[in-house]
Amino acid sequence: MRGDREFRKVRQQGVAVRDPLFTLRLTDYRPRYGETWQPRAIIGVVISKKTLKRAVDRNRARRRVREALRTLEGGLPPCRAILLPNPGVLTVPFPALKAALIRALAKAPGRVKKGAGGQKSGNSGRSQPVSVPVTQGESSA
């Protein structure tokens, strides 16, 4: 993900899935403005200095999580996500980390959220009323 704006959107509109090893915040995939529709997973890994003090540990945790995401069987569902690892990511065996990520992605209510959350979000809520009067105006003319 690029920029504070994308992270802010995921934080505000995303659904949090908590695990002892990390917190995963997910939203549905939407392309950036002007970008073609290419459903894919866009994931930002965020580790604060409060969570892991040493830069070496933060970088190692990032590398472990990225590799676990990269090697997941079946790939990743199309989404935008923020992954916030806990210190346990450094000590847990790699297969256990992959299993936790699979569990979290399976628990993610992103597919359920489409119906209810789509109308509550700011952009889709604004675009629907604008498009309805335009089509009504064209049909009556």
N, C-alpha and C. Protein backbone atom coordinates (compact mmCIF):
# COMPACT_ATOMS: atom_id res chain seq x y z
N MET A 1 0.84 -1.18 0.00
CA MET A 1 0.00 0.00 0.00
C MET A 1 0.88 1.23 0.00
N ARG A 2 0.36 2.27 -0.62
CA ARG A 2 1.13 3.50 -0.72
C ARG A 2 0.37 4.64 -0.05
N GLY A 3 1.05 5.36 0.79
CA GLY A 3 0.51 6.60 1.34
C GLY A 3 -0.39 6.42 2.55
N ASP A 4 -0.46 7.49 3.30
CA ASP A 4 -1.26 7.51 4.52
C ASP A 4 -2.74 7.36 4.23
N ARG A 5 -3.19 7.86 3.08
CA ARG A 5 -4.61 7.81 2.74
C ARG A 5 -5.13 6.37 2.65
N GLU A 6 -4.36 5.50 2.00
CA GLU A 6 -4.79 4.10 1.86
C GLU A 6 -4.81 3.40 3.21
N PHE A 7 -3.78 3.64 4.04
CA PHE A 7 -3.76 3.04 5.36
C PHE A 7 -4.94 3.54 6.20
N ARG A 8 -5.25 4.83 6.09
CA ARG A 8 -6.36 5.40 6.85
C ARG A 8 -7.69 4.76 6.44
N LYS A 9 -7.89 4.54 5.14
CA LYS A 9 -9.13 3.92 4.66
C LYS A 9 -9.29 2.51 5.23
N VAL A 10 -8.20 1.74 5.23
CA VAL A 10 -8.28 0.37 5.75
C VAL A 10 -8.55 0.41 7.26
N ARG A 11 -7.90 1.33 7.98
CA ARG A 11 -8.13 1.42 9.42
C ARG A 11 -9.57 1.81 9.74
N GLN A 12 -10.15 2.72 8.98
CA GLN A 12 -11.50 3.19 9.27
C GLN A 12 -12.57 2.20 8.82
N GLN A 13 -12.40 1.63 7.63
CA GLN A 13 -13.45 0.80 7.05
C GLN A 13 -13.21 -0.70 7.21
N GLY A 14 -12.01 -1.07 7.64
CA GLY A 14 -11.65 -2.48 7.69
C GLY A 14 -12.24 -3.22 8.88
N VAL A 15 -12.25 -4.51 8.75
CA VAL A 15 -12.71 -5.42 9.80
C VAL A 15 -11.48 -6.05 10.44
N ALA A 16 -11.38 -5.99 11.76
CA ALA A 16 -10.21 -6.52 12.46
C ALA A 16 -10.40 -8.00 12.79
N VAL A 17 -9.37 -8.79 12.49
CA VAL A 17 -9.32 -10.20 12.86
C VAL A 17 -8.11 -10.35 13.77
N ARG A 18 -8.35 -10.72 15.02
CA ARG A 18 -7.25 -10.81 15.99
C ARG A 18 -6.81 -12.25 16.20
N ASP A 19 -5.52 -12.40 16.37
CA ASP A 19 -4.88 -13.68 16.61
C ASP A 19 -3.80 -13.42 17.66
N PRO A 20 -3.39 -14.41 18.44
CA PRO A 20 -2.31 -14.16 19.41
C PRO A 20 -1.01 -13.66 18.77
N LEU A 21 -0.80 -13.95 17.48
CA LEU A 21 0.44 -13.55 16.82
C LEU A 21 0.36 -12.21 16.11
N PHE A 22 -0.85 -11.77 15.74
CA PHE A 22 -0.98 -10.53 14.97
C PHE A 22 -2.43 -10.06 14.98
N THR A 23 -2.62 -8.85 14.46
CA THR A 23 -3.95 -8.32 14.17
C THR A 23 -3.98 -8.05 12.67
N LEU A 24 -5.03 -8.50 12.02
CA LEU A 24 -5.19 -8.31 10.58
C LEU A 24 -6.42 -7.46 10.36
N ARG A 25 -6.27 -6.35 9.67
CA ARG A 25 -7.39 -5.46 9.38
C ARG A 25 -7.61 -5.48 7.87
N LEU A 26 -8.81 -5.90 7.43
CA LEU A 26 -9.11 -6.15 6.02
C LEU A 26 -10.25 -5.30 5.49
N THR A 27 -10.14 -4.91 4.22
CA THR A 27 -11.26 -4.36 3.47
C THR A 27 -11.29 -5.05 2.11
N ASP A 28 -12.35 -4.84 1.37
CA ASP A 28 -12.46 -5.40 0.03
C ASP A 28 -11.47 -4.71 -0.90
N TYR A 29 -11.10 -5.40 -1.97
CA TYR A 29 -10.21 -4.81 -2.96
C TYR A 29 -10.97 -3.80 -3.80
N ARG A 30 -10.42 -2.62 -3.92
CA ARG A 30 -10.91 -1.61 -4.86
C ARG A 30 -9.68 -1.00 -5.52
N PRO A 31 -9.71 -0.84 -6.84
CA PRO A 31 -8.53 -0.26 -7.49
C PRO A 31 -8.37 1.21 -7.13
N ARG A 32 -7.14 1.69 -7.21
CA ARG A 32 -6.88 3.11 -7.02
C ARG A 32 -7.52 3.89 -8.16
N TYR A 33 -7.69 5.18 -7.97
CA TYR A 33 -8.27 6.03 -9.01
C TYR A 33 -7.43 5.95 -10.28
N GLY A 34 -8.08 5.65 -11.40
CA GLY A 34 -7.38 5.57 -12.67
C GLY A 34 -6.70 4.24 -12.93
N GLU A 35 -6.77 3.31 -12.01
CA GLU A 35 -6.11 2.02 -12.15
C GLU A 35 -7.10 1.01 -12.72
N THR A 36 -6.63 0.09 -13.56
CA THR A 36 -7.51 -0.93 -14.10
C THR A 36 -7.84 -1.96 -13.02
N TRP A 37 -8.92 -2.66 -13.21
CA TRP A 37 -9.39 -3.66 -12.24
C TRP A 37 -8.51 -4.89 -12.33
N GLN A 38 -7.67 -5.10 -11.31
CA GLN A 38 -6.80 -6.28 -11.21
C GLN A 38 -6.92 -6.81 -9.79
N PRO A 39 -7.91 -7.67 -9.51
CA PRO A 39 -8.09 -8.15 -8.14
C PRO A 39 -6.83 -8.83 -7.62
N ARG A 40 -6.30 -8.30 -6.54
CA ARG A 40 -5.09 -8.84 -5.92
C ARG A 40 -5.07 -8.42 -4.47
N ALA A 41 -4.20 -9.04 -3.72
CA ALA A 41 -4.04 -8.70 -2.31
C ALA A 41 -2.98 -7.61 -2.19
N ILE A 42 -3.33 -6.54 -1.50
CA ILE A 42 -2.39 -5.46 -1.22
C ILE A 42 -2.30 -5.38 0.30
N ILE A 43 -1.15 -5.76 0.84
CA ILE A 43 -1.00 -5.88 2.29
C ILE A 43 0.17 -5.03 2.76
N GLY A 44 -0.10 -4.22 3.78
CA GLY A 44 0.95 -3.44 4.43
C GLY A 44 1.27 -4.06 5.78
N VAL A 45 2.55 -4.25 6.07
CA VAL A 45 2.97 -4.82 7.35
C VAL A 45 3.51 -3.67 8.19
N VAL A 46 2.88 -3.44 9.35
CA VAL A 46 3.23 -2.31 10.21
C VAL A 46 3.67 -2.84 11.57
N ILE A 47 4.89 -2.47 11.97
CA ILE A 47 5.41 -2.87 13.29
C ILE A 47 5.95 -1.61 13.95
N SER A 48 5.39 -1.25 15.08
CA SER A 48 5.82 -0.03 15.76
C SER A 48 7.03 -0.30 16.66
N LYS A 49 7.68 0.77 17.03
CA LYS A 49 8.81 0.66 17.96
C LYS A 49 8.33 0.25 19.35
N LYS A 50 7.08 0.52 19.63
CA LYS A 50 6.52 0.12 20.92
C LYS A 50 6.39 -1.41 20.98
N THR A 51 6.07 -2.02 19.87
CA THR A 51 5.91 -3.47 19.81
C THR A 51 7.26 -4.17 19.88
N LEU A 52 8.17 -3.79 18.99
CA LEU A 52 9.52 -4.37 18.96
C LEU A 52 10.52 -3.22 18.96
N LYS A 53 11.31 -3.15 19.99
CA LYS A 53 12.22 -2.02 20.18
C LYS A 53 13.33 -1.96 19.14
N ARG A 54 13.96 -3.10 18.84
CA ARG A 54 15.13 -3.10 17.98
C ARG A 54 14.74 -3.18 16.51
N ALA A 55 15.41 -2.41 15.67
CA ALA A 55 15.14 -2.41 14.23
C ALA A 55 15.39 -3.78 13.62
N VAL A 56 16.39 -4.48 14.14
CA VAL A 56 16.70 -5.83 13.63
C VAL A 56 15.50 -6.75 13.82
N ASP A 57 14.87 -6.67 14.98
CA ASP A 57 13.71 -7.52 15.26
C ASP A 57 12.51 -7.11 14.39
N ARG A 58 12.30 -5.80 14.22
CA ARG A 58 11.19 -5.34 13.38
C ARG A 58 11.37 -5.82 11.94
N ASN A 59 12.57 -5.71 11.42
CA ASN A 59 12.83 -6.15 10.04
C ASN A 59 12.69 -7.67 9.90
N ARG A 60 13.16 -8.40 10.91
CA ARG A 60 13.05 -9.86 10.86
C ARG A 60 11.59 -10.30 10.90
N ALA A 61 10.80 -9.63 11.74
CA ALA A 61 9.37 -9.95 11.81
C ALA A 61 8.69 -9.65 10.47
N ARG A 62 9.03 -8.52 9.86
CA ARG A 62 8.47 -8.17 8.55
C ARG A 62 8.82 -9.23 7.50
N ARG A 63 10.08 -9.65 7.49
CA ARG A 63 10.50 -10.66 6.51
C ARG A 63 9.80 -11.99 6.73
N ARG A 64 9.65 -12.40 7.98
CA ARG A 64 8.97 -13.68 8.26
C ARG A 64 7.51 -13.63 7.82
N VAL A 65 6.83 -12.52 8.11
CA VAL A 65 5.41 -12.40 7.76
C VAL A 65 5.25 -12.35 6.24
N ARG A 66 6.08 -11.58 5.57
CA ARG A 66 5.99 -11.50 4.10
C ARG A 66 6.22 -12.85 3.45
N GLU A 67 7.20 -13.59 3.96
CA GLU A 67 7.47 -14.90 3.39
C GLU A 67 6.31 -15.86 3.66
N ALA A 68 5.72 -15.78 4.84
CA ALA A 68 4.56 -16.64 5.15
C ALA A 68 3.39 -16.30 4.23
N LEU A 69 3.16 -15.02 3.97
CA LEU A 69 2.08 -14.62 3.06
C LEU A 69 2.38 -15.07 1.63
N ARG A 70 3.62 -14.96 1.23
CA ARG A 70 4.02 -15.31 -0.14
C ARG A 70 3.85 -16.80 -0.41
N THR A 71 4.10 -17.63 0.60
CA THR A 71 4.09 -19.08 0.40
C THR A 71 2.78 -19.75 0.83
N LEU A 72 1.74 -18.98 1.08
CA LEU A 72 0.46 -19.59 1.46
C LEU A 72 -0.10 -20.40 0.30
N GLU A 73 -0.62 -21.58 0.62
CA GLU A 73 -1.24 -22.42 -0.39
C GLU A 73 -2.55 -21.77 -0.82
N GLY A 74 -2.80 -21.75 -2.10
CA GLY A 74 -4.03 -21.16 -2.60
C GLY A 74 -3.96 -19.66 -2.78
N GLY A 75 -2.86 -19.05 -2.42
CA GLY A 75 -2.71 -17.60 -2.59
C GLY A 75 -3.54 -16.80 -1.61
N LEU A 76 -3.59 -15.52 -1.84
CA LEU A 76 -4.33 -14.60 -0.98
C LEU A 76 -5.60 -14.14 -1.68
N PRO A 77 -6.67 -13.90 -0.92
CA PRO A 77 -7.89 -13.37 -1.54
C PRO A 77 -7.68 -11.91 -1.92
N PRO A 78 -8.38 -11.41 -2.92
CA PRO A 78 -8.23 -10.00 -3.28
C PRO A 78 -8.74 -9.11 -2.15
N CYS A 79 -7.86 -8.29 -1.62
CA CYS A 79 -8.23 -7.42 -0.49
C CYS A 79 -7.16 -6.36 -0.30
N ARG A 80 -7.47 -5.40 0.52
CA ARG A 80 -6.48 -4.46 1.05
C ARG A 80 -6.42 -4.75 2.54
N ALA A 81 -5.22 -4.87 3.08
CA ALA A 81 -5.09 -5.27 4.48
C ALA A 81 -3.89 -4.61 5.13
N ILE A 82 -3.99 -4.48 6.45
CA ILE A 82 -2.87 -4.07 7.29
C ILE A 82 -2.63 -5.20 8.27
N LEU A 83 -1.39 -5.67 8.34
CA LEU A 83 -1.03 -6.73 9.27
C LEU A 83 -0.14 -6.14 10.34
N LEU A 84 -0.54 -6.28 11.60
CA LEU A 84 0.18 -5.75 12.75
C LEU A 84 0.70 -6.91 13.59
N PRO A 85 1.94 -7.34 13.35
CA PRO A 85 2.46 -8.50 14.09
C PRO A 85 2.77 -8.17 15.54
N ASN A 86 2.67 -9.17 16.40
CA ASN A 86 3.06 -9.08 17.80
C ASN A 86 4.46 -9.70 17.96
N PRO A 87 5.11 -9.50 19.11
CA PRO A 87 6.46 -10.04 19.29
C PRO A 87 6.55 -11.57 19.14
N GLY A 88 5.45 -12.28 19.34
CA GLY A 88 5.47 -13.74 19.22
C GLY A 88 5.80 -14.23 17.83
N VAL A 89 5.67 -13.38 16.81
CA VAL A 89 5.97 -13.76 15.43
C VAL A 89 7.43 -14.18 15.28
N LEU A 90 8.31 -13.62 16.11
CA LEU A 90 9.74 -13.94 16.01
C LEU A 90 10.07 -15.33 16.54
N THR A 91 9.31 -15.81 17.51
CA THR A 91 9.66 -17.07 18.18
C THR A 91 8.85 -18.27 17.72
N VAL A 92 7.70 -18.04 17.13
CA VAL A 92 6.84 -19.15 16.74
C VAL A 92 7.45 -19.87 15.53
N PRO A 93 7.29 -21.20 15.44
CA PRO A 93 7.77 -21.92 14.25
C PRO A 93 7.05 -21.44 12.99
N PHE A 94 7.75 -21.47 11.88
CA PHE A 94 7.21 -20.94 10.63
C PHE A 94 5.90 -21.61 10.20
N PRO A 95 5.76 -22.94 10.28
CA PRO A 95 4.48 -23.56 9.91
C PRO A 95 3.32 -23.08 10.79
N ALA A 96 3.60 -22.80 12.07
CA ALA A 96 2.54 -22.29 12.95
C ALA A 96 2.13 -20.88 12.53
N LEU A 97 3.08 -20.07 12.08
CA LEU A 97 2.76 -18.73 11.59
C LEU A 97 1.89 -18.80 10.35
N LYS A 98 2.23 -19.69 9.43
CA LYS A 98 1.42 -19.86 8.22
C LYS A 98 0.01 -20.34 8.57
N ALA A 99 -0.09 -21.27 9.52
CA ALA A 99 -1.40 -21.77 9.92
C ALA A 99 -2.25 -20.66 10.55
N ALA A 100 -1.62 -19.80 11.34
CA ALA A 100 -2.35 -18.68 11.95
C ALA A 100 -2.84 -17.71 10.89
N LEU A 101 -2.04 -17.45 9.87
CA LEU A 101 -2.47 -16.57 8.78
C LEU A 101 -3.63 -17.18 8.00
N ILE A 102 -3.56 -18.48 7.75
CA ILE A 102 -4.66 -19.16 7.05
C ILE A 102 -5.95 -19.07 7.86
N ARG A 103 -5.83 -19.31 9.19
CA ARG A 103 -7.01 -19.21 10.06
C ARG A 103 -7.58 -17.80 10.04
N ALA A 104 -6.73 -16.80 10.11
CA ALA A 104 -7.20 -15.40 10.13
C ALA A 104 -7.88 -15.03 8.82
N LEU A 105 -7.31 -15.45 7.70
CA LEU A 105 -7.93 -15.14 6.41
C LEU A 105 -9.25 -15.88 6.24
N ALA A 106 -9.36 -17.08 6.80
CA ALA A 106 -10.63 -17.83 6.73
C ALA A 106 -11.70 -17.18 7.61
N LYS A 107 -11.27 -16.61 8.75
CA LYS A 107 -12.21 -15.95 9.66
C LYS A 107 -12.64 -14.58 9.17
N ALA A 108 -11.89 -14.03 8.25
CA ALA A 108 -12.13 -12.65 7.80
C ALA A 108 -13.53 -12.52 7.23
N PRO A 109 -14.33 -11.64 7.80
CA PRO A 109 -15.71 -11.47 7.31
C PRO A 109 -15.79 -10.54 6.12
N GLY A 110 -14.78 -10.46 5.30
CA GLY A 110 -14.76 -9.56 4.14
C GLY A 110 -15.84 -9.90 3.14
N ARG A 111 -16.11 -11.19 2.94
CA ARG A 111 -17.14 -11.58 1.98
C ARG A 111 -18.52 -11.25 2.51
N VAL A 112 -18.72 -11.33 3.81
CA VAL A 112 -20.00 -11.00 4.42
C VAL A 112 -20.19 -9.49 4.45
N LYS A 113 -19.09 -8.75 4.62
CA LYS A 113 -19.12 -7.30 4.77
C LYS A 113 -19.57 -6.60 3.49
N LYS A 114 -19.44 -7.25 2.33
CA LYS A 114 -19.77 -6.59 1.07
C LYS A 114 -21.19 -6.05 1.06
N GLY A 115 -22.15 -6.83 1.53
CA GLY A 115 -23.54 -6.40 1.49
C GLY A 115 -23.83 -5.28 2.46
N ALA A 116 -23.43 -5.44 3.71
CA ALA A 116 -23.76 -4.43 4.72
C ALA A 116 -22.77 -3.28 4.71
N GLY A 117 -21.50 -3.56 4.59
CA GLY A 117 -20.48 -2.52 4.69
C GLY A 117 -20.38 -1.66 3.45
N GLY A 118 -20.75 -2.20 2.30
CA GLY A 118 -20.64 -1.45 1.07
C GLY A 118 -21.51 -0.21 1.06
N GLN A 119 -22.68 -0.25 1.69
CA GLN A 119 -23.56 0.89 1.72
C GLN A 119 -23.15 1.90 2.78
N LYS A 120 -22.42 1.47 3.79
CA LYS A 120 -22.02 2.37 4.86
C LYS A 120 -20.76 3.15 4.52
N SER A 121 -19.94 2.64 3.61
CA SER A 121 -18.68 3.31 3.31
C SER A 121 -18.95 4.60 2.57
N GLY A 122 -18.05 5.55 2.73
CA GLY A 122 -18.24 6.89 2.21
C GLY A 122 -18.32 6.95 0.69
N ASN A 123 -17.43 6.32 -0.03
CA ASN A 123 -17.41 6.46 -1.47
C ASN A 123 -18.58 5.79 -2.15
N SER A 124 -18.90 4.55 -1.79
CA SER A 124 -19.99 3.87 -2.47
C SER A 124 -21.34 4.48 -2.08
N GLY A 125 -21.45 5.00 -0.88
CA GLY A 125 -22.69 5.66 -0.46
C GLY A 125 -22.95 6.93 -1.24
N ARG A 126 -21.89 7.66 -1.59
CA ARG A 126 -22.04 8.89 -2.36
C ARG A 126 -22.28 8.61 -3.83
N SER A 127 -21.66 7.58 -4.36
CA SER A 127 -21.77 7.35 -5.80
C SER A 127 -23.14 6.82 -6.19
N GLN A 128 -23.84 6.12 -5.33
CA GLN A 128 -25.13 5.57 -5.69
C GLN A 128 -26.19 6.66 -5.90
N PRO A 129 -26.36 7.64 -5.00
CA PRO A 129 -27.36 8.67 -5.24
C PRO A 129 -27.05 9.52 -6.47
N VAL A 130 -25.80 9.75 -6.79
CA VAL A 130 -25.44 10.55 -7.95
C VAL A 130 -25.83 9.83 -9.23
N SER A 131 -25.60 8.52 -9.31
CA SER A 131 -25.89 7.80 -10.54
C SER A 131 -27.38 7.58 -10.76
N VAL A 132 -28.18 7.49 -9.70
CA VAL A 132 -29.61 7.23 -9.84
C VAL A 132 -30.34 8.42 -10.48
N PRO A 133 -30.14 9.69 -10.02
CA PRO A 133 -30.84 10.80 -10.67
C PRO A 133 -30.44 10.98 -12.14
N VAL A 134 -29.20 10.70 -12.51
CA VAL A 134 -28.77 10.86 -13.89
C VAL A 134 -29.53 9.89 -14.77
N THR A 135 -29.68 8.64 -14.36
CA THR A 135 -30.42 7.67 -15.18
C THR A 135 -31.90 7.99 -15.20
N GLN A 136 -32.46 8.52 -14.11
CA GLN A 136 -33.88 8.90 -14.11
C GLN A 136 -34.12 10.08 -15.02
N GLY A 137 -33.18 11.03 -15.03
CA GLY A 137 -33.31 12.22 -15.88
C GLY A 137 -33.25 11.86 -17.35
N GLU A 138 -32.41 10.91 -17.70
CA GLU A 138 -32.28 10.51 -19.10
C GLU A 138 -33.51 9.72 -19.57
N SER A 139 -34.10 8.91 -18.66
CA SER A 139 -35.25 8.12 -19.07
C SER A 139 -36.50 8.97 -19.22
N SER A 140 -36.63 10.08 -18.47
CA SER A 140 -37.83 10.91 -18.56
C SER A 140 -37.73 11.89 -19.71
N ALA A 141 -36.54 12.15 -20.26
CA ALA A 141 -36.38 13.13 -21.33
C ALA A 141 -36.61 12.58 -22.69
